[in-house]
Amino acid sequence: MSETETSVVRRDKKPASEQRDEPYVLPLWAIRLLRAILHLLFRLLWRMRYLNVENIPASGGVIIAANHQTYLDPFWLGVPVPIYTRFLAWDKVFDWPVAGKLMRLLGAWPLQVQKGDRRAIRRSLQWLRGGGALVIFPEGGRSFSDGKMQEFKVGAARLALEAGVPVLPITIRGGHRVWPRDRRYPSLGRVEIVYHPLHHLTPLPGEDTRQTARRETDKLYEIIHSAL
Protein backbone atom coordinates (compact mmCIF):
# COMPACT_ATOMS: atom_id res chain seq x y z
CA MET A 1 0.00 0.00 0.00
CA SER A 2 1.46 3.37 -1.00
CA GLU A 3 2.01 6.33 1.32
CA THR A 4 -0.61 8.29 -0.61
CA GLU A 5 -3.23 5.60 -0.12
CA THR A 6 -2.71 5.46 3.63
CA SER A 7 -2.33 9.16 4.32
CA VAL A 8 -5.96 10.28 3.98
CA VAL A 9 -9.23 8.61 4.96
CA ARG A 10 -12.55 10.19 4.11
CA ARG A 11 -15.08 10.20 6.92
CA ASP A 12 -17.76 8.59 4.75
CA LYS A 13 -15.62 5.67 3.57
CA LYS A 14 -13.85 2.73 5.14
CA PRO A 15 -10.07 3.08 5.52
CA ALA A 16 -7.91 1.81 2.68
CA SER A 17 -6.86 -1.12 4.86
CA GLU A 18 -10.34 -2.70 4.72
CA GLN A 19 -10.01 -6.09 3.01
CA ARG A 20 -12.48 -7.70 0.63
CA ASP A 21 -12.40 -11.00 2.49
CA GLU A 22 -13.54 -9.37 5.73
CA PRO A 23 -17.03 -10.27 7.03
CA TYR A 24 -19.77 -7.85 5.97
CA VAL A 25 -19.95 -4.69 8.09
CA LEU A 26 -22.80 -2.18 7.97
CA PRO A 27 -22.08 0.95 5.87
CA LEU A 28 -21.23 4.08 7.83
CA TRP A 29 -24.60 5.76 7.17
CA ALA A 30 -26.38 2.74 8.68
CA ILE A 31 -24.05 2.69 11.68
CA ARG A 32 -24.67 6.40 12.27
CA LEU A 33 -28.43 5.84 12.07
CA LEU A 34 -28.17 2.94 14.51
CA ARG A 35 -26.06 5.04 16.86
CA ALA A 36 -28.71 7.79 16.83
CA ILE A 37 -31.40 5.25 17.73
CA LEU A 38 -29.23 3.75 20.45
CA HIS A 39 -28.55 7.20 21.85
CA LEU A 40 -32.26 7.73 22.45
CA LEU A 41 -32.58 4.27 23.98
CA PHE A 42 -29.56 4.77 26.24
CA ARG A 43 -30.88 8.12 27.46
CA LEU A 44 -34.17 6.47 28.33
CA LEU A 45 -32.70 3.45 30.11
CA TRP A 46 -29.57 4.84 31.71
CA ARG A 47 -29.89 8.65 31.52
CA MET A 48 -26.74 8.48 29.42
CA ARG A 49 -24.47 11.56 29.38
CA TYR A 50 -21.53 12.11 27.04
CA LEU A 51 -18.94 14.53 28.39
CA ASN A 52 -16.15 16.34 26.50
CA VAL A 53 -17.18 14.97 23.10
CA GLU A 54 -15.14 17.76 21.49
CA ASN A 55 -12.10 15.59 22.21
CA ILE A 56 -13.28 12.92 19.75
CA PRO A 57 -11.20 13.17 16.53
CA ALA A 58 -13.02 13.58 13.23
CA SER A 59 -10.69 11.14 11.51
CA GLY A 60 -8.30 8.27 12.26
CA GLY A 61 -6.04 6.56 12.86
CA VAL A 62 -6.57 6.43 16.56
CA ILE A 63 -6.88 3.87 19.32
CA ILE A 64 -9.88 4.34 21.60
CA ALA A 65 -9.00 2.94 25.03
CA ALA A 66 -11.53 2.68 27.88
CA ASN A 67 -12.13 0.94 31.15
CA HIS A 68 -14.46 -2.04 30.76
CA GLN A 69 -17.45 -2.25 33.09
CA THR A 70 -20.13 -4.08 31.05
CA TYR A 71 -20.75 -5.94 27.81
CA LEU A 72 -22.56 -2.80 26.60
CA ASP A 73 -19.44 -0.61 26.72
CA PRO A 74 -18.60 -0.77 22.97
CA PHE A 75 -22.13 0.37 22.10
CA TRP A 76 -22.21 3.07 24.80
CA LEU A 77 -18.93 4.76 23.94
CA GLY A 78 -19.40 4.56 20.16
CA VAL A 79 -22.56 6.67 19.94
CA PRO A 80 -20.89 10.10 19.39
CA VAL A 81 -17.95 8.79 17.32
CA PRO A 82 -18.39 10.08 13.72
CA ILE A 83 -16.03 7.67 11.94
CA TYR A 84 -15.70 3.99 11.23
CA THR A 85 -14.51 2.05 14.27
CA ARG A 86 -13.41 -1.50 14.80
CA PHE A 87 -13.11 -3.14 18.17
CA LEU A 88 -11.42 -6.25 19.48
CA ALA A 89 -13.79 -8.49 21.42
CA TRP A 90 -13.51 -11.78 23.28
CA ASP A 91 -13.76 -14.48 20.62
CA LYS A 92 -16.30 -16.51 22.63
CA VAL A 93 -18.86 -13.69 22.27
CA PHE A 94 -19.09 -14.38 18.53
CA ASP A 95 -20.69 -17.75 19.30
CA TRP A 96 -23.67 -16.04 20.94
CA PRO A 97 -26.66 -16.19 18.53
CA VAL A 98 -27.73 -12.51 18.47
CA ALA A 99 -24.87 -10.60 20.09
CA GLY A 100 -22.25 -12.35 17.96
CA LYS A 101 -23.94 -11.39 14.68
CA LEU A 102 -24.51 -7.82 15.82
CA MET A 103 -20.88 -7.47 16.87
CA ARG A 104 -19.68 -8.51 13.42
CA LEU A 105 -22.09 -6.14 11.67
CA LEU A 106 -20.75 -3.26 13.77
CA GLY A 107 -17.13 -4.07 12.99
CA ALA A 108 -15.87 -6.30 15.80
CA TRP A 109 -12.92 -8.64 15.36
CA PRO A 110 -12.51 -11.76 17.50
CA LEU A 111 -9.55 -11.77 19.87
CA GLN A 112 -8.17 -14.83 21.64
CA VAL A 113 -7.71 -13.20 25.02
CA GLN A 114 -5.71 -15.95 26.69
CA LYS A 115 -2.87 -15.97 24.17
CA GLY A 116 -1.14 -13.75 21.66
CA ASP A 117 -3.42 -13.42 18.65
CA ARG A 118 -1.12 -12.53 15.77
CA ARG A 119 -3.89 -12.29 13.20
CA ALA A 120 -5.80 -9.79 15.33
CA ILE A 121 -2.62 -7.76 15.80
CA ARG A 122 -1.80 -7.73 12.08
CA ARG A 123 -5.27 -6.65 10.99
CA SER A 124 -5.38 -4.01 13.76
CA LEU A 125 -2.08 -2.48 12.64
CA GLN A 126 -3.22 -2.46 9.03
CA TRP A 127 -6.48 -0.79 10.01
CA LEU A 128 -4.76 1.88 12.12
CA ARG A 129 -2.13 2.65 9.50
CA GLY A 130 -4.91 3.01 6.95
CA GLY A 131 -6.58 5.69 9.08
CA GLY A 132 -9.08 3.62 11.07
CA ALA A 133 -10.23 3.90 14.68
CA LEU A 134 -9.82 0.85 16.91
CA VAL A 135 -11.52 0.31 20.30
CA ILE A 136 -9.52 -1.61 22.91
CA PHE A 137 -10.24 -2.34 26.57
CA PRO A 138 -6.78 -2.56 28.17
CA GLU A 139 -8.07 -4.45 31.21
CA GLY A 140 -8.64 -7.45 28.97
CA GLY A 141 -11.89 -8.18 30.83
CA ARG A 142 -14.59 -6.42 32.81
CA SER A 143 -13.77 -4.31 35.86
CA PHE A 144 -14.59 -5.51 39.34
CA SER A 145 -18.19 -5.30 40.55
CA ASP A 146 -17.42 -2.19 42.63
CA GLY A 147 -16.07 -0.40 39.55
CA LYS A 148 -12.40 -0.77 40.49
CA MET A 149 -10.30 -1.22 37.38
CA GLN A 150 -8.05 -4.18 36.76
CA GLU A 151 -4.41 -3.67 35.85
CA PHE A 152 -4.00 -2.55 32.25
CA LYS A 153 -2.28 -4.78 29.72
CA VAL A 154 0.24 -3.10 27.41
CA GLY A 155 -1.33 -4.18 24.10
CA ALA A 156 -3.06 -0.87 23.34
CA ALA A 157 0.10 1.15 23.95
CA ARG A 158 2.24 -1.21 21.87
CA LEU A 159 -0.19 -1.02 18.96
CA ALA A 160 -0.27 2.78 19.19
CA LEU A 161 3.52 2.97 19.19
CA GLU A 162 3.94 0.56 16.30
CA ALA A 163 1.20 2.17 14.19
CA GLY A 164 2.27 5.70 15.10
CA VAL A 165 -1.20 6.82 16.23
CA PRO A 166 -2.51 8.62 19.35
CA VAL A 167 -4.86 7.20 21.96
CA LEU A 168 -8.26 8.60 22.93
CA PRO A 169 -8.73 7.66 26.62
CA ILE A 170 -12.33 7.19 27.76
CA THR A 171 -13.76 6.73 31.24
CA ILE A 172 -17.01 4.81 31.65
CA ARG A 173 -18.58 5.49 35.02
CA GLY A 174 -21.74 4.12 36.54
CA GLY A 175 -21.81 1.02 34.36
CA HIS A 176 -20.74 -1.19 37.24
CA ARG A 177 -23.85 -0.16 39.15
CA VAL A 178 -26.33 -0.95 36.37
CA TRP A 179 -24.62 -4.18 35.31
CA PRO A 180 -21.95 -5.52 37.69
CA ARG A 181 -20.01 -8.54 36.51
CA ASP A 182 -21.69 -10.80 39.08
CA ARG A 183 -25.20 -9.99 37.79
CA ARG A 184 -26.76 -11.72 34.81
CA TYR A 185 -28.82 -8.83 33.44
CA PRO A 186 -28.51 -5.00 33.51
CA SER A 187 -30.80 -2.68 35.47
CA LEU A 188 -31.77 0.97 35.18
CA GLY A 189 -29.51 3.73 36.43
CA ARG A 190 -27.20 6.54 35.31
CA VAL A 191 -24.13 6.10 33.11
CA GLU A 192 -21.63 8.74 31.99
CA ILE A 193 -18.96 8.50 29.30
CA VAL A 194 -16.02 10.90 29.60
CA TYR A 195 -13.79 11.57 26.58
CA HIS A 196 -10.31 12.77 27.53
CA PRO A 197 -7.94 14.75 25.26
CA LEU A 198 -5.94 12.74 22.75
CA HIS A 199 -2.82 11.22 24.29
CA HIS A 200 0.29 11.02 22.11
CA LEU A 201 2.71 8.31 23.16
CA THR A 202 6.32 9.47 23.17
CA PRO A 203 9.38 7.33 23.96
CA LEU A 204 11.86 8.85 26.41
CA PRO A 205 15.60 8.88 25.69
CA GLY A 206 17.12 5.47 26.33
CA GLU A 207 13.79 3.63 26.47
CA ASP A 208 13.06 0.56 24.39
CA THR A 209 9.56 -0.19 23.07
CA ARG A 210 8.71 -2.46 25.99
CA GLN A 211 9.62 0.17 28.58
CA THR A 212 7.76 2.91 26.73
CA ALA A 213 4.65 0.74 26.38
CA ARG A 214 4.63 -0.06 30.12
CA ARG A 215 5.12 3.57 31.15
CA GLU A 216 2.49 4.86 28.72
CA THR A 217 0.06 2.13 29.81
CA ASP A 218 0.41 3.28 33.40
CA LYS A 219 -0.24 6.85 32.23
CA LEU A 220 -3.39 5.78 30.37
CA TYR A 221 -4.55 4.02 33.54
CA GLU A 222 -4.08 7.24 35.51
CA ILE A 223 -5.98 9.32 32.95
CA ILE A 224 -8.93 6.96 32.75
CA HIS A 225 -9.00 6.35 36.51
CA SER A 226 -8.96 10.10 37.23
CA ALA A 227 -12.59 10.50 36.07
CA LEU A 228 -14.10 7.50 37.87
C-alpha atoms as a PDB file:
ATOM      1  CA  MET A   1       0.000   0.000   0.000  1.00  0.00           C
ATOM      2  CA  SER A   2       1.459   3.374  -1.000  1.00  0.00           C
ATOM      3  CA  GLU A   3       2.006   6.327   1.321  1.00  0.00           C
ATOM      4  CA  THR A   4      -0.610   8.290  -0.608  1.00  0.00           C
ATOM      5  CA  GLU A   5      -3.230   5.597  -0.118  1.00  0.00           C
ATOM      6  CA  THR A   6      -2.715   5.460   3.629  1.00  0.00           C
ATOM      7  CA  SER A   7      -2.334   9.159   4.317  1.00  0.00           C
ATOM      8  CA  VAL A   8      -5.955  10.279   3.978  1.00  0.00           C
ATOM      9  CA  VAL A   9      -9.230   8.614   4.957  1.00  0.00           C
ATOM     10  CA  ARG A  10     -12.546  10.186   4.114  1.00  0.00           C
ATOM     11  CA  ARG A  11     -15.083  10.202   6.921  1.00  0.00           C
ATOM     12  CA  ASP A  12     -17.757   8.588   4.745  1.00  0.00           C
ATOM     13  CA  LYS A  13     -15.625   5.667   3.574  1.00  0.00           C
ATOM     14  CA  LYS A  14     -13.848   2.730   5.141  1.00  0.00           C
ATOM     15  CA  PRO A  15     -10.072   3.081   5.516  1.00  0.00           C
ATOM     16  CA  ALA A  16      -7.913   1.809   2.682  1.00  0.00           C
ATOM     17  CA  SER A  17      -6.865  -1.122   4.860  1.00  0.00           C
ATOM     18  CA  GLU A  18     -10.336  -2.704   4.718  1.00  0.00           C
ATOM     19  CA  GLN A  19     -10.011  -6.094   3.011  1.00  0.00           C
ATOM     20  CA  ARG A  20     -12.481  -7.697   0.631  1.00  0.00           C
ATOM     21  CA  ASP A  21     -12.401 -11.000   2.495  1.00  0.00           C
ATOM     22  CA  GLU A  22     -13.545  -9.374   5.730  1.00  0.00           C
ATOM     23  CA  PRO A  23     -17.029 -10.269   7.030  1.00  0.00           C
ATOM     24  CA  TYR A  24     -19.767  -7.846   5.975  1.00  0.00           C
ATOM     25  CA  VAL A  25     -19.954  -4.689   8.086  1.00  0.00           C
ATOM     26  CA  LEU A  26     -22.801  -2.179   7.972  1.00  0.00           C
ATOM     27  CA  PRO A  27     -22.081   0.952   5.874  1.00  0.00           C
ATOM     28  CA  LEU A  28     -21.230   4.081   7.832  1.00  0.00           C
ATOM     29  CA  TRP A  29     -24.603   5.762   7.174  1.00  0.00           C
ATOM     30  CA  ALA A  30     -26.377   2.736   8.679  1.00  0.00           C
ATOM     31  CA  ILE A  31     -24.049   2.691  11.675  1.00  0.00           C
ATOM     32  CA  ARG A  32     -24.671   6.405  12.266  1.00  0.00           C
ATOM     33  CA  LEU A  33     -28.433   5.839  12.069  1.00  0.00           C
ATOM     34  CA  LEU A  34     -28.167   2.941  14.512  1.00  0.00           C
ATOM     35  CA  ARG A  35     -26.057   5.043  16.858  1.00  0.00           C
ATOM     36  CA  ALA A  36     -28.707   7.790  16.826  1.00  0.00           C
ATOM     37  CA  ILE A  37     -31.399   5.252  17.731  1.00  0.00           C
ATOM     38  CA  LEU A  38     -29.227   3.745  20.450  1.00  0.00           C
ATOM     39  CA  HIS A  39     -28.549   7.204  21.847  1.00  0.00           C
ATOM     40  CA  LEU A  40     -32.259   7.726  22.451  1.00  0.00           C
ATOM     41  CA  LEU A  41     -32.577   4.268  23.985  1.00  0.00           C
ATOM     42  CA  PHE A  42     -29.564   4.774  26.238  1.00  0.00           C
ATOM     43  CA  ARG A  43     -30.879   8.116  27.464  1.00  0.00           C
ATOM     44  CA  LEU A  44     -34.172   6.473  28.328  1.00  0.00           C
ATOM     45  CA  LEU A  45     -32.703   3.453  30.115  1.00  0.00           C
ATOM     46  CA  TRP A  46     -29.566   4.842  31.712  1.00  0.00           C
ATOM     47  CA  ARG A  47     -29.894   8.653  31.517  1.00  0.00           C
ATOM     48  CA  MET A  48     -26.739   8.485  29.423  1.00  0.00           C
ATOM     49  CA  ARG A  49     -24.470  11.556  29.377  1.00  0.00           C
ATOM     50  CA  TYR A  50     -21.530  12.113  27.038  1.00  0.00           C
ATOM     51  CA  LEU A  51     -18.936  14.531  28.387  1.00  0.00           C
ATOM     52  CA  ASN A  52     -16.147  16.342  26.497  1.00  0.00           C
ATOM     53  CA  VAL A  53     -17.179  14.974  23.101  1.00  0.00           C
ATOM     54  CA  GLU A  54     -15.143  17.757  21.489  1.00  0.00           C
ATOM     55  CA  ASN A  55     -12.100  15.591  22.215  1.00  0.00           C
ATOM     56  CA  ILE A  56     -13.279  12.924  19.750  1.00  0.00           C
ATOM     57  CA  PRO A  57     -11.201  13.171  16.534  1.00  0.00           C
ATOM     58  CA  ALA A  58     -13.025  13.583  13.233  1.00  0.00           C
ATOM     59  CA  SER A  59     -10.692  11.143  11.505  1.00  0.00           C
ATOM     60  CA  GLY A  60      -8.296   8.275  12.264  1.00  0.00           C
ATOM     61  CA  GLY A  61      -6.036   6.564  12.857  1.00  0.00           C
ATOM     62  CA  VAL A  62      -6.573   6.433  16.558  1.00  0.00           C
ATOM     63  CA  ILE A  63      -6.877   3.873  19.315  1.00  0.00           C
ATOM     64  CA  ILE A  64      -9.879   4.341  21.596  1.00  0.00           C
ATOM     65  CA  ALA A  65      -8.998   2.936  25.029  1.00  0.00           C
ATOM     66  CA  ALA A  66     -11.527   2.681  27.876  1.00  0.00           C
ATOM     67  CA  ASN A  67     -12.134   0.936  31.147  1.00  0.00           C
ATOM     68  CA  HIS A  68     -14.463  -2.037  30.757  1.00  0.00           C
ATOM     69  CA  GLN A  69     -17.454  -2.254  33.088  1.00  0.00           C
ATOM     70  CA  THR A  70     -20.130  -4.085  31.048  1.00  0.00           C
ATOM     71  CA  TYR A  71     -20.754  -5.942  27.809  1.00  0.00           C
ATOM     72  CA  LEU A  72     -22.555  -2.796  26.601  1.00  0.00           C
ATOM     73  CA  ASP A  73     -19.438  -0.609  26.719  1.00  0.00           C
ATOM     74  CA  PRO A  74     -18.602  -0.768  22.967  1.00  0.00           C
ATOM     75  CA  PHE A  75     -22.128   0.372  22.104  1.00  0.00           C
ATOM     76  CA  TRP A  76     -22.205   3.067  24.804  1.00  0.00           C
ATOM     77  CA  LEU A  77     -18.925   4.759  23.944  1.00  0.00           C
ATOM     78  CA  GLY A  78     -19.397   4.557  20.159  1.00  0.00           C
ATOM     79  CA  VAL A  79     -22.557   6.674  19.942  1.00  0.00           C
ATOM     80  CA  PRO A  80     -20.890  10.096  19.391  1.00  0.00           C
ATOM     81  CA  VAL A  81     -17.953   8.787  17.316  1.00  0.00           C
ATOM     82  CA  PRO A  82     -18.387  10.081  13.722  1.00  0.00           C
ATOM     83  CA  ILE A  83     -16.025   7.674  11.945  1.00  0.00           C
ATOM     84  CA  TYR A  84     -15.697   3.986  11.231  1.00  0.00           C
ATOM     85  CA  THR A  85     -14.507   2.045  14.270  1.00  0.00           C
ATOM     86  CA  ARG A  86     -13.406  -1.497  14.797  1.00  0.00           C
ATOM     87  CA  PHE A  87     -13.113  -3.142  18.167  1.00  0.00           C
ATOM     88  CA  LEU A  88     -11.423  -6.247  19.478  1.00  0.00           C
ATOM     89  CA  ALA A  89     -13.788  -8.495  21.421  1.00  0.00           C
ATOM     90  CA  TRP A  90     -13.512 -11.780  23.276  1.00  0.00           C
ATOM     91  CA  ASP A  91     -13.757 -14.481  20.620  1.00  0.00           C
ATOM     92  CA  LYS A  92     -16.305 -16.505  22.635  1.00  0.00           C
ATOM     93  CA  VAL A  93     -18.858 -13.690  22.266  1.00  0.00           C
ATOM     94  CA  PHE A  94     -19.085 -14.382  18.528  1.00  0.00           C
ATOM     95  CA  ASP A  95     -20.686 -17.751  19.295  1.00  0.00           C
ATOM     96  CA  TRP A  96     -23.669 -16.042  20.944  1.00  0.00           C
ATOM     97  CA  PRO A  97     -26.658 -16.188  18.527  1.00  0.00           C
ATOM     98  CA  VAL A  98     -27.730 -12.514  18.467  1.00  0.00           C
ATOM     99  CA  ALA A  99     -24.872 -10.603  20.085  1.00  0.00           C
ATOM    100  CA  GLY A 100     -22.251 -12.346  17.959  1.00  0.00           C
ATOM    101  CA  LYS A 101     -23.936 -11.393  14.682  1.00  0.00           C
ATOM    102  CA  LEU A 102     -24.508  -7.815  15.822  1.00  0.00           C
ATOM    103  CA  MET A 103     -20.877  -7.474  16.872  1.00  0.00           C
ATOM    104  CA  ARG A 104     -19.680  -8.509  13.420  1.00  0.00           C
ATOM    105  CA  LEU A 105     -22.094  -6.136  11.673  1.00  0.00           C
ATOM    106  CA  LEU A 106     -20.751  -3.262  13.774  1.00  0.00           C
ATOM    107  CA  GLY A 107     -17.130  -4.074  12.993  1.00  0.00           C
ATOM    108  CA  ALA A 108     -15.875  -6.304  15.805  1.00  0.00           C
ATOM    109  CA  TRP A 109     -12.915  -8.636  15.364  1.00  0.00           C
ATOM    110  CA  PRO A 110     -12.513 -11.761  17.505  1.00  0.00           C
ATOM    111  CA  LEU A 111      -9.549 -11.772  19.868  1.00  0.00           C
ATOM    112  CA  GLN A 112      -8.165 -14.831  21.638  1.00  0.00           C
ATOM    113  CA  VAL A 113      -7.713 -13.199  25.022  1.00  0.00           C
ATOM    114  CA  GLN A 114      -5.713 -15.952  26.690  1.00  0.00           C
ATOM    115  CA  LYS A 115      -2.873 -15.967  24.174  1.00  0.00           C
ATOM    116  CA  GLY A 116      -1.140 -13.746  21.659  1.00  0.00           C
ATOM    117  CA  ASP A 117      -3.420 -13.417  18.649  1.00  0.00           C
ATOM    118  CA  ARG A 118      -1.117 -12.532  15.770  1.00  0.00           C
ATOM    119  CA  ARG A 119      -3.893 -12.293  13.201  1.00  0.00           C
ATOM    120  CA  ALA A 120      -5.804  -9.791  15.325  1.00  0.00           C
ATOM    121  CA  ILE A 121      -2.619  -7.764  15.801  1.00  0.00           C
ATOM    122  CA  ARG A 122      -1.803  -7.728  12.081  1.00  0.00           C
ATOM    123  CA  ARG A 123      -5.274  -6.650  10.992  1.00  0.00           C
ATOM    124  CA  SER A 124      -5.379  -4.008  13.761  1.00  0.00           C
ATOM    125  CA  LEU A 125      -2.081  -2.479  12.644  1.00  0.00           C
ATOM    126  CA  GLN A 126      -3.215  -2.460   9.031  1.00  0.00           C
ATOM    127  CA  TRP A 127      -6.482  -0.793  10.015  1.00  0.00           C
ATOM    128  CA  LEU A 128      -4.757   1.879  12.117  1.00  0.00           C
ATOM    129  CA  ARG A 129      -2.127   2.654   9.496  1.00  0.00           C
ATOM    130  CA  GLY A 130      -4.906   3.012   6.952  1.00  0.00           C
ATOM    131  CA  GLY A 131      -6.585   5.692   9.075  1.00  0.00           C
ATOM    132  CA  GLY A 132      -9.076   3.619  11.070  1.00  0.00           C
ATOM    133  CA  ALA A 133     -10.227   3.902  14.684  1.00  0.00           C
ATOM    134  CA  LEU A 134      -9.815   0.853  16.912  1.00  0.00           C
ATOM    135  CA  VAL A 135     -11.520   0.308  20.296  1.00  0.00           C
ATOM    136  CA  ILE A 136      -9.524  -1.615  22.909  1.00  0.00           C
ATOM    137  CA  PHE A 137     -10.242  -2.341  26.568  1.00  0.00           C
ATOM    138  CA  PRO A 138      -6.776  -2.559  28.168  1.00  0.00           C
ATOM    139  CA  GLU A 139      -8.073  -4.450  31.206  1.00  0.00           C
ATOM    140  CA  GLY A 140      -8.644  -7.455  28.972  1.00  0.00           C
ATOM    141  CA  GLY A 141     -11.891  -8.182  30.826  1.00  0.00           C
ATOM    142  CA  ARG A 142     -14.590  -6.423  32.808  1.00  0.00           C
ATOM    143  CA  SER A 143     -13.772  -4.309  35.856  1.00  0.00           C
ATOM    144  CA  PHE A 144     -14.587  -5.512  39.342  1.00  0.00           C
ATOM    145  CA  SER A 145     -18.188  -5.299  40.546  1.00  0.00           C
ATOM    146  CA  ASP A 146     -17.417  -2.192  42.631  1.00  0.00           C
ATOM    147  CA  GLY A 147     -16.066  -0.396  39.549  1.00  0.00           C
ATOM    148  CA  LYS A 148     -12.402  -0.775  40.495  1.00  0.00           C
ATOM    149  CA  MET A 149     -10.298  -1.224  37.380  1.00  0.00           C
ATOM    150  CA  GLN A 150      -8.054  -4.175  36.759  1.00  0.00           C
ATOM    151  CA  GLU A 151      -4.412  -3.669  35.851  1.00  0.00           C
ATOM    152  CA  PHE A 152      -4.001  -2.549  32.246  1.00  0.00           C
ATOM    153  CA  LYS A 153      -2.281  -4.775  29.723  1.00  0.00           C
ATOM    154  CA  VAL A 154       0.242  -3.103  27.415  1.00  0.00           C
ATOM    155  CA  GLY A 155      -1.332  -4.184  24.104  1.00  0.00           C
ATOM    156  CA  ALA A 156      -3.064  -0.870  23.338  1.00  0.00           C
ATOM    157  CA  ALA A 157       0.102   1.146  23.953  1.00  0.00           C
ATOM    158  CA  ARG A 158       2.243  -1.206  21.870  1.00  0.00           C
ATOM    159  CA  LEU A 159      -0.191  -1.024  18.961  1.00  0.00           C
ATOM    160  CA  ALA A 160      -0.271   2.775  19.187  1.00  0.00           C
ATOM    161  CA  LEU A 161       3.521   2.970  19.187  1.00  0.00           C
ATOM    162  CA  GLU A 162       3.936   0.563  16.304  1.00  0.00           C
ATOM    163  CA  ALA A 163       1.198   2.166  14.191  1.00  0.00           C
ATOM    164  CA  GLY A 164       2.268   5.704  15.100  1.00  0.00           C
ATOM    165  CA  VAL A 165      -1.204   6.817  16.231  1.00  0.00           C
ATOM    166  CA  PRO A 166      -2.512   8.624  19.347  1.00  0.00           C
ATOM    167  CA  VAL A 167      -4.856   7.196  21.962  1.00  0.00           C
ATOM    168  CA  LEU A 168      -8.262   8.601  22.927  1.00  0.00           C
ATOM    169  CA  PRO A 169      -8.728   7.662  26.624  1.00  0.00           C
ATOM    170  CA  ILE A 170     -12.334   7.188  27.756  1.00  0.00           C
ATOM    171  CA  THR A 171     -13.757   6.731  31.245  1.00  0.00           C
ATOM    172  CA  ILE A 172     -17.010   4.809  31.651  1.00  0.00           C
ATOM    173  CA  ARG A 173     -18.576   5.485  35.025  1.00  0.00           C
ATOM    174  CA  GLY A 174     -21.738   4.125  36.537  1.00  0.00           C
ATOM    175  CA  GLY A 175     -21.813   1.023  34.364  1.00  0.00           C
ATOM    176  CA  HIS A 176     -20.743  -1.193  37.241  1.00  0.00           C
ATOM    177  CA  ARG A 177     -23.853  -0.156  39.150  1.00  0.00           C
ATOM    178  CA  VAL A 178     -26.331  -0.948  36.366  1.00  0.00           C
ATOM    179  CA  TRP A 179     -24.621  -4.185  35.306  1.00  0.00           C
ATOM    180  CA  PRO A 180     -21.948  -5.517  37.689  1.00  0.00           C
ATOM    181  CA  ARG A 181     -20.010  -8.537  36.506  1.00  0.00           C
ATOM    182  CA  ASP A 182     -21.693 -10.800  39.085  1.00  0.00           C
ATOM    183  CA  ARG A 183     -25.200  -9.990  37.794  1.00  0.00           C
ATOM    184  CA  ARG A 184     -26.761 -11.717  34.811  1.00  0.00           C
ATOM    185  CA  TYR A 185     -28.822  -8.826  33.442  1.00  0.00           C
ATOM    186  CA  PRO A 186     -28.515  -5.004  33.513  1.00  0.00           C
ATOM    187  CA  SER A 187     -30.801  -2.685  35.473  1.00  0.00           C
ATOM    188  CA  LEU A 188     -31.775   0.969  35.181  1.00  0.00           C
ATOM    189  CA  GLY A 189     -29.510   3.735  36.430  1.00  0.00           C
ATOM    190  CA  ARG A 190     -27.202   6.543  35.312  1.00  0.00           C
ATOM    191  CA  VAL A 191     -24.132   6.097  33.115  1.00  0.00           C
ATOM    192  CA  GLU A 192     -21.630   8.736  31.993  1.00  0.00           C
ATOM    193  CA  ILE A 193     -18.961   8.501  29.303  1.00  0.00           C
ATOM    194  CA  VAL A 194     -16.020  10.902  29.604  1.00  0.00           C
ATOM    195  CA  TYR A 195     -13.789  11.572  26.575  1.00  0.00           C
ATOM    196  CA  HIS A 196     -10.309  12.769  27.534  1.00  0.00           C
ATOM    197  CA  PRO A 197      -7.944  14.750  25.259  1.00  0.00           C
ATOM    198  CA  LEU A 198      -5.939  12.742  22.747  1.00  0.00           C
ATOM    199  CA  HIS A 199      -2.823  11.223  24.290  1.00  0.00           C
ATOM    200  CA  HIS A 200       0.291  11.017  22.111  1.00  0.00           C
ATOM    201  CA  LEU A 201       2.705   8.308  23.165  1.00  0.00           C
ATOM    202  CA  THR A 202       6.323   9.467  23.174  1.00  0.00           C
ATOM    203  CA  PRO A 203       9.384   7.325  23.958  1.00  0.00           C
ATOM    204  CA  LEU A 204      11.861   8.847  26.407  1.00  0.00           C
ATOM    205  CA  PRO A 205      15.599   8.883  25.689  1.00  0.00           C
ATOM    206  CA  GLY A 206      17.125   5.468  26.331  1.00  0.00           C
ATOM    207  CA  GLU A 207      13.792   3.625  26.474  1.00  0.00           C
ATOM    208  CA  ASP A 208      13.058   0.562  24.388  1.00  0.00           C
ATOM    209  CA  THR A 209       9.558  -0.186  23.072  1.00  0.00           C
ATOM    210  CA  ARG A 210       8.708  -2.457  25.995  1.00  0.00           C
ATOM    211  CA  GLN A 211       9.619   0.172  28.583  1.00  0.00           C
ATOM    212  CA  THR A 212       7.757   2.914  26.730  1.00  0.00           C
ATOM    213  CA  ALA A 213       4.649   0.743  26.385  1.00  0.00           C
ATOM    214  CA  ARG A 214       4.627  -0.055  30.120  1.00  0.00           C
ATOM    215  CA  ARG A 215       5.121   3.572  31.154  1.00  0.00           C
ATOM    216  CA  GLU A 216       2.494   4.861  28.725  1.00  0.00           C
ATOM    217  CA  THR A 217       0.062   2.130  29.806  1.00  0.00           C
ATOM    218  CA  ASP A 218       0.413   3.285  33.402  1.00  0.00           C
ATOM    219  CA  LYS A 219      -0.236   6.851  32.228  1.00  0.00           C
ATOM    220  CA  LEU A 220      -3.388   5.779  30.372  1.00  0.00           C
ATOM    221  CA  TYR A 221      -4.547   4.017  33.536  1.00  0.00           C
ATOM    222  CA  GLU A 222      -4.079   7.244  35.508  1.00  0.00           C
ATOM    223  CA  ILE A 223      -5.984   9.318  32.946  1.00  0.00           C
ATOM    224  CA  ILE A 224      -8.933   6.963  32.747  1.00  0.00           C
ATOM    225  CA  HIS A 225      -9.001   6.351  36.506  1.00  0.00           C
ATOM    226  CA  SER A 226      -8.964  10.102  37.231  1.00  0.00           C
ATOM    227  CA  ALA A 227     -12.593  10.502  36.069  1.00  0.00           C
ATOM    228  CA  LEU A 228     -14.097   7.499  37.870  1.00  0.00           C
END
